[in-house]
């Protein structure tokens, strides 16, 4: 049963949506104004999410869909990533410009490294042993090397994505060579060459990009654009927009069920939409099996302020 986990910032909980039944089946109370997507360990036993107002990350038992523990990290955590072996987490602390390293076995923070201003969401690239972190306040992406035999991190390098762009989140190809960055205060998606550590092109998607994911074959990217209420479909070969689709008010986080060919997007409700009240505080569901003919198939009501989405298959 593929499930979507929707982070509801304003109601302090996580909605669990059954993607076969297309309905919310559970609500996990965690408190602390959760931010960022729930991330899963490799065994799919536990999920982890940042609590921005609580300076913690919550540990969620995925078999019972219940919070079982909290781990104290830095000030105002916004996003996290789980190591490939499931033993470590990396947490961006936006309120103090640091990155926490967390031992998930002992469930405690074991180290911190200095970051650029206001770090947000991140992507772990296990094939090239790198961690990319969007540094919202520095208009850059941190490019960090992760040793294969230790939980410590090497000094970071910053890749500029344009003054005033405010990068928010990102994703990368499976080979770890190319990354796509959503910028909240620019009208373009940045494309990075990870190995060279540089921005190689920009794709005009409209002002207010929030999140980006890739199709299974990586021939298409999908980006949410908050200001226009849209999902934008991008051909990654030509780096061009091939479709725009209104999906609901102020979409932020998006995630893909590759098994079902469904993309889910959280509608944060800070602007109007032709979908009306049914789409507010919801998970917008989009059939993307044929990206060029992507279609909204419904909205599932969730908690308040759905900001991020992840899918467990």
Protein backbone atom coordinates (compact mmCIF):
# COMPACT_ATOMS: atom_id res chain seq x y z
CA UNK A 1 0.00 0.00 0.00
CA UNK A 2 1.78 3.17 -1.15
CA UNK A 3 1.29 5.94 1.40
CA UNK A 4 1.96 9.66 1.34
CA UNK A 5 3.10 11.42 4.49
CA UNK A 6 2.10 15.08 4.51
CA UNK A 7 3.78 17.51 6.93
CA UNK A 8 1.14 19.86 8.35
CA UNK A 9 3.03 22.82 9.77
CA UNK A 10 0.07 24.73 11.21
CA UNK A 11 -1.71 21.81 12.89
CA UNK A 12 1.46 20.18 14.30
CA UNK A 13 0.86 16.78 12.77
CA UNK A 14 1.49 14.42 9.86
CA UNK A 15 -1.32 13.19 7.61
CA UNK A 16 -1.07 9.64 6.28
CA UNK A 17 -2.78 9.24 2.90
CA UNK A 18 -3.50 5.86 1.31
CA UNK A 19 -2.67 6.36 -2.38
CA UNK A 20 -4.70 3.33 -3.46
CA UNK A 21 -7.84 4.50 -1.64
CA UNK A 22 -7.05 8.20 -2.22
CA UNK A 23 -7.98 9.21 1.32
CA UNK A 24 -6.41 10.18 4.64
CA UNK A 25 -6.25 7.12 6.88
CA UNK A 26 -4.35 8.44 9.91
CA UNK A 27 -3.04 11.59 11.57
CA UNK A 28 0.19 11.53 13.62
CA UNK A 29 0.40 14.21 16.32
CA UNK A 30 3.94 15.43 16.87
CA UNK A 31 3.81 19.15 17.80
CA UNK A 32 6.59 21.65 17.26
CA UNK A 33 5.55 23.09 13.88
CA UNK A 34 6.98 20.31 11.67
CA UNK A 35 8.77 21.38 8.50
CA UNK A 36 10.18 19.46 5.59
CA UNK A 37 9.33 16.01 4.32
CA UNK A 38 9.30 12.86 6.44
CA UNK A 39 12.41 10.86 5.53
CA UNK A 40 12.56 7.07 5.87
CA UNK A 41 15.30 4.63 6.85
CA UNK A 42 16.34 2.00 4.31
CA UNK A 43 14.38 -0.73 6.13
CA UNK A 44 11.22 1.41 6.16
CA UNK A 45 10.83 0.93 9.89
CA UNK A 46 11.16 4.54 10.99
CA UNK A 47 10.43 7.99 9.60
CA UNK A 48 12.00 11.26 10.73
CA UNK A 49 10.80 14.86 10.45
CA UNK A 50 12.11 18.25 11.64
CA UNK A 51 10.16 20.25 14.23
CA UNK A 52 10.98 23.88 13.54
CA UNK A 53 9.46 25.31 16.72
CA UNK A 54 10.65 22.48 18.95
CA UNK A 55 14.34 22.27 17.98
CA UNK A 56 13.91 18.51 17.62
CA UNK A 57 13.35 15.79 15.08
CA UNK A 58 10.52 13.32 15.64
CA UNK A 59 11.02 9.56 15.29
CA UNK A 60 7.94 7.88 13.79
CA UNK A 61 7.27 4.15 13.99
CA UNK A 62 6.06 3.42 10.46
CA UNK A 63 4.43 0.13 11.44
CA UNK A 64 2.08 1.92 13.83
CA UNK A 65 2.29 5.45 12.38
CA UNK A 66 3.00 6.91 15.79
CA UNK A 67 5.72 9.17 17.19
CA UNK A 68 7.97 7.17 19.53
CA UNK A 69 10.78 9.61 20.34
CA UNK A 70 12.20 13.10 19.87
CA UNK A 71 15.86 13.97 19.32
CA UNK A 72 17.16 17.42 20.25
CA UNK A 73 19.12 19.20 17.50
CA UNK A 74 19.89 22.86 16.74
CA UNK A 75 17.69 25.93 16.51
CA UNK A 76 14.75 25.84 14.06
CA UNK A 77 15.48 22.67 12.06
CA UNK A 78 13.92 22.79 8.58
CA UNK A 79 15.01 19.70 6.68
CA UNK A 80 16.92 16.46 6.97
CA UNK A 81 18.43 13.52 5.12
CA UNK A 82 19.07 9.93 6.20
CA UNK A 83 22.33 8.16 5.39
CA UNK A 84 22.19 5.16 3.07
CA UNK A 85 22.80 2.74 5.96
CA UNK A 86 20.07 4.37 8.05
CA UNK A 87 22.39 5.02 10.97
CA UNK A 88 22.81 8.79 10.64
CA UNK A 89 20.70 11.84 9.96
CA UNK A 90 21.81 15.27 8.77
CA UNK A 91 19.60 18.13 9.94
CA UNK A 92 19.62 21.75 8.73
CA UNK A 93 19.25 24.21 11.63
CA UNK A 94 17.95 27.36 9.95
CA UNK A 95 17.95 29.44 13.15
CA UNK A 96 21.67 29.06 13.87
CA UNK A 97 23.23 28.32 10.46
CA UNK A 98 24.48 24.86 11.33
CA UNK A 99 24.04 21.25 10.24
CA UNK A 100 23.54 18.62 12.95
CA UNK A 101 24.86 15.08 12.60
CA UNK A 102 22.58 12.69 14.49
CA UNK A 103 23.31 9.11 15.54
CA UNK A 104 19.97 7.41 14.88
CA UNK A 105 20.93 4.26 16.76
CA UNK A 106 21.72 6.16 19.96
CA UNK A 107 19.13 8.82 19.03
CA UNK A 108 21.33 11.78 19.87
CA UNK A 109 23.16 14.62 18.16
CA UNK A 110 26.88 13.90 17.90
CA UNK A 111 28.29 16.82 15.89
CA UNK A 112 27.58 20.16 14.21
CA UNK A 113 29.20 21.97 11.31
CA UNK A 114 28.88 25.61 10.32
CA UNK A 115 26.71 26.39 7.30
CA UNK A 116 25.73 29.39 5.19
CA UNK A 117 22.73 31.49 6.13
CA UNK A 118 19.37 29.84 6.79
CA UNK A 119 19.92 26.30 5.49
CA UNK A 120 16.72 24.58 4.35
CA UNK A 121 16.06 21.31 2.49
CA UNK A 122 18.66 18.89 1.21
CA UNK A 123 19.42 15.90 -0.97
CA UNK A 124 21.74 13.01 -0.15
CA UNK A 125 23.67 11.57 -3.11
CA UNK A 126 24.94 8.14 -1.96
CA UNK A 127 26.60 7.16 -5.25
CA UNK A 128 28.99 10.09 -5.07
CA UNK A 129 29.02 10.45 -1.26
CA UNK A 130 27.75 14.01 -1.26
CA UNK A 131 25.14 16.05 0.55
CA UNK A 132 23.58 19.10 -1.10
CA UNK A 133 21.86 21.67 1.13
CA UNK A 134 19.84 24.67 -0.05
CA UNK A 135 21.14 27.75 1.81
CA UNK A 136 18.16 30.07 1.54
CA UNK A 137 19.77 33.14 3.09
CA UNK A 138 23.04 32.78 1.18
CA UNK A 139 21.53 32.24 -2.28
CA UNK A 140 23.64 29.13 -2.66
CA UNK A 141 23.75 25.35 -2.38
CA UNK A 142 26.24 23.73 0.00
CA UNK A 143 28.15 20.90 -1.67
CA UNK A 144 29.45 18.65 1.13
CA UNK A 145 31.57 15.51 0.86
CA UNK A 146 30.55 12.65 3.15
CA UNK A 147 33.27 10.12 4.10
CA UNK A 148 32.26 6.52 3.49
CA UNK A 149 33.74 5.28 6.78
CA UNK A 150 32.65 7.99 9.22
CA UNK A 151 29.73 10.20 10.23
CA UNK A 152 31.85 13.35 10.12
CA UNK A 153 31.55 15.73 7.19
CA UNK A 154 34.23 17.49 5.21
CA UNK A 155 34.27 21.30 4.87
CA UNK A 156 31.53 22.54 2.58
CA UNK A 157 31.75 24.38 -0.73
CA UNK A 158 29.03 26.77 -1.86
CA UNK A 159 27.52 26.92 -5.34
CA UNK A 160 25.87 30.28 -6.10
CA UNK A 161 22.46 30.18 -7.79
CA UNK A 162 22.00 33.94 -8.22
CA UNK A 163 21.68 36.93 -5.89
CA UNK A 164 18.30 37.13 -4.19
CA UNK A 165 17.15 33.76 -5.58
CA UNK A 166 16.54 32.15 -2.15
CA UNK A 167 16.95 28.41 -2.95
CA UNK A 168 14.51 26.33 -0.94
CA UNK A 169 14.74 22.69 -1.96
CA UNK A 170 16.38 20.42 -4.50
CA UNK A 171 16.65 16.95 -5.97
CA UNK A 172 19.37 15.07 -7.86
CA UNK A 173 19.68 12.36 -10.48
CA UNK A 174 20.39 8.84 -9.24
CA UNK A 175 23.98 8.97 -10.47
CA UNK A 176 24.52 12.11 -8.39
CA UNK A 177 25.87 14.14 -11.29
CA UNK A 178 23.07 16.65 -11.85
CA UNK A 179 20.84 18.54 -9.42
CA UNK A 180 17.75 20.71 -9.81
CA UNK A 181 17.15 23.57 -7.37
CA UNK A 182 13.82 25.34 -6.70
CA UNK A 183 14.28 29.04 -5.89
CA UNK A 184 11.48 30.81 -4.02
CA UNK A 185 12.43 34.36 -5.01
CA UNK A 186 13.37 33.82 -8.65
CA UNK A 187 11.55 32.81 -11.81
CA UNK A 188 13.94 29.98 -12.67
CA UNK A 189 14.96 26.49 -11.65
CA UNK A 190 18.74 26.15 -11.29
CA UNK A 191 20.51 23.13 -12.80
CA UNK A 192 23.82 22.18 -11.17
CA UNK A 193 26.76 20.10 -12.29
CA UNK A 194 27.51 18.41 -8.96
CA UNK A 195 31.03 17.23 -9.72
CA UNK A 196 32.15 20.60 -11.06
CA UNK A 197 30.28 22.44 -8.34
CA UNK A 198 28.65 24.97 -10.65
CA UNK A 199 25.32 26.14 -12.00
CA UNK A 200 25.17 25.14 -15.67
CA UNK A 201 21.78 26.47 -16.79
CA UNK A 202 18.50 28.00 -15.65
CA UNK A 203 14.99 26.92 -16.65
CA UNK A 204 12.27 29.58 -16.52
CA UNK A 205 9.34 28.11 -14.57
CA UNK A 206 7.76 31.30 -13.16
CA UNK A 207 8.28 33.10 -9.87
CA UNK A 208 8.06 31.17 -6.62
CA UNK A 209 9.48 27.67 -7.12
CA UNK A 210 9.13 25.47 -4.03
CA UNK A 211 10.01 21.85 -4.79
CA UNK A 212 11.19 19.61 -7.60
CA UNK A 213 11.13 15.84 -8.22
CA UNK A 214 12.17 13.59 -11.09
CA UNK A 215 10.29 10.90 -13.01
CA UNK A 216 11.58 7.35 -12.61
CA UNK A 217 13.37 7.45 -15.96
CA UNK A 218 14.62 11.00 -15.19
CA UNK A 219 13.42 12.26 -18.56
CA UNK A 220 11.09 14.70 -16.83
CA UNK A 221 11.23 16.95 -13.79
CA UNK A 222 8.18 18.31 -11.98
CA UNK A 223 8.34 21.60 -10.07
CA UNK A 224 5.75 23.30 -7.85
CA UNK A 225 5.33 27.04 -8.37
CA UNK A 226 3.60 28.59 -5.37
CA UNK A 227 2.76 32.00 -6.83
CA UNK A 228 0.90 30.62 -9.86
CA UNK A 229 -0.65 27.55 -8.15
CA UNK A 230 0.99 25.33 -10.74
CA UNK A 231 2.85 22.13 -11.34
CA UNK A 232 5.37 22.64 -14.14
CA UNK A 233 6.58 19.70 -16.25
CA UNK A 234 10.13 19.97 -17.60
CA UNK A 235 11.86 17.94 -20.30
CA UNK A 236 15.30 17.25 -18.79
CA UNK A 237 16.89 16.55 -22.17
CA UNK A 238 16.08 19.97 -23.61
CA UNK A 239 15.81 21.72 -20.20
CA UNK A 240 12.52 23.25 -21.31
CA UNK A 241 9.01 23.53 -19.86
CA UNK A 242 6.58 21.27 -21.75
CA UNK A 243 3.41 21.62 -19.65
CA UNK A 244 1.89 23.82 -16.94
CA UNK A 245 -1.00 22.62 -14.77
CA UNK A 246 -2.87 24.41 -11.99
CA UNK A 247 -3.16 21.94 -9.09
CA UNK A 248 -4.43 24.01 -6.14
CA UNK A 249 -3.64 27.03 -3.97
CA UNK A 250 0.04 27.66 -3.21
CA UNK A 251 1.55 24.21 -3.78
CA UNK A 252 4.76 23.58 -1.88
CA UNK A 253 6.21 20.13 -1.29
CA UNK A 254 5.72 17.41 -3.92
CA UNK A 255 6.54 13.71 -4.04
CA UNK A 256 6.16 10.89 -6.52
CA UNK A 257 4.73 7.37 -6.33
CA UNK A 258 6.63 5.70 -9.16
CA UNK A 259 4.59 2.51 -8.68
CA UNK A 260 1.28 4.29 -9.28
CA UNK A 261 2.43 7.12 -11.53
CA UNK A 262 0.86 9.62 -9.12
CA UNK A 263 2.41 12.84 -7.86
CA UNK A 264 1.16 14.43 -4.64
CA UNK A 265 1.51 18.12 -3.79
CA UNK A 266 0.66 19.92 -0.56
CA UNK A 267 -1.54 23.00 -1.09
CA UNK A 268 -0.56 25.62 1.47
CA UNK A 269 -3.58 27.90 0.73
CA UNK A 270 -1.92 31.33 0.69
CA UNK A 271 -3.45 32.33 -2.63
CA UNK A 272 -6.66 31.77 -4.57
CA UNK A 273 -7.30 28.86 -6.89
CA UNK A 274 -10.03 27.97 -9.35
CA UNK A 275 -10.41 24.67 -7.49
CA UNK A 276 -12.10 26.42 -4.54
CA UNK A 277 -12.30 25.25 -0.93
CA UNK A 278 -11.99 21.56 -1.82
CA UNK A 279 -8.33 22.13 -2.69
CA UNK A 280 -7.39 24.12 0.42
CA UNK A 281 -5.23 22.33 3.00
CA UNK A 282 -5.13 19.26 0.82
CA UNK A 283 -2.90 16.84 -0.98
CA UNK A 284 -3.37 17.46 -4.70
CA UNK A 285 -3.12 14.20 -6.64
CA UNK A 286 -1.86 14.32 -10.23
CA UNK A 287 -1.70 11.44 -12.72
CA UNK A 288 1.74 11.78 -14.34
CA UNK A 289 2.05 8.43 -16.09
CA UNK A 290 2.08 10.48 -19.29
CA UNK A 291 3.87 13.69 -18.20
CA UNK A 292 2.81 15.62 -21.29
CA UNK A 293 -0.83 14.97 -20.40
CA UNK A 294 -0.60 15.23 -16.60
CA UNK A 295 -4.06 15.57 -15.04
CA UNK A 296 -5.37 16.42 -11.58
CA UNK A 297 -7.38 13.43 -10.36
CA UNK A 298 -8.47 14.78 -6.98
CA UNK A 299 -7.70 16.43 -3.67
CA UNK A 300 -7.48 14.76 -0.27
CA UNK A 301 -8.12 16.95 2.77
CA UNK A 302 -5.25 16.85 5.28
CA UNK A 303 -4.14 19.02 8.21
CA UNK A 304 -3.44 22.75 8.23
CA UNK A 305 -0.56 24.23 6.26
CA UNK A 306 0.66 21.15 4.37
CA UNK A 307 4.19 22.17 3.44
CA UNK A 308 5.98 18.97 2.43
CA UNK A 309 5.20 15.48 1.13
CA UNK A 310 7.00 12.14 0.96
CA UNK A 311 5.89 8.77 -0.41
CA UNK A 312 6.54 5.34 1.13
CA UNK A 313 6.17 2.45 -1.34
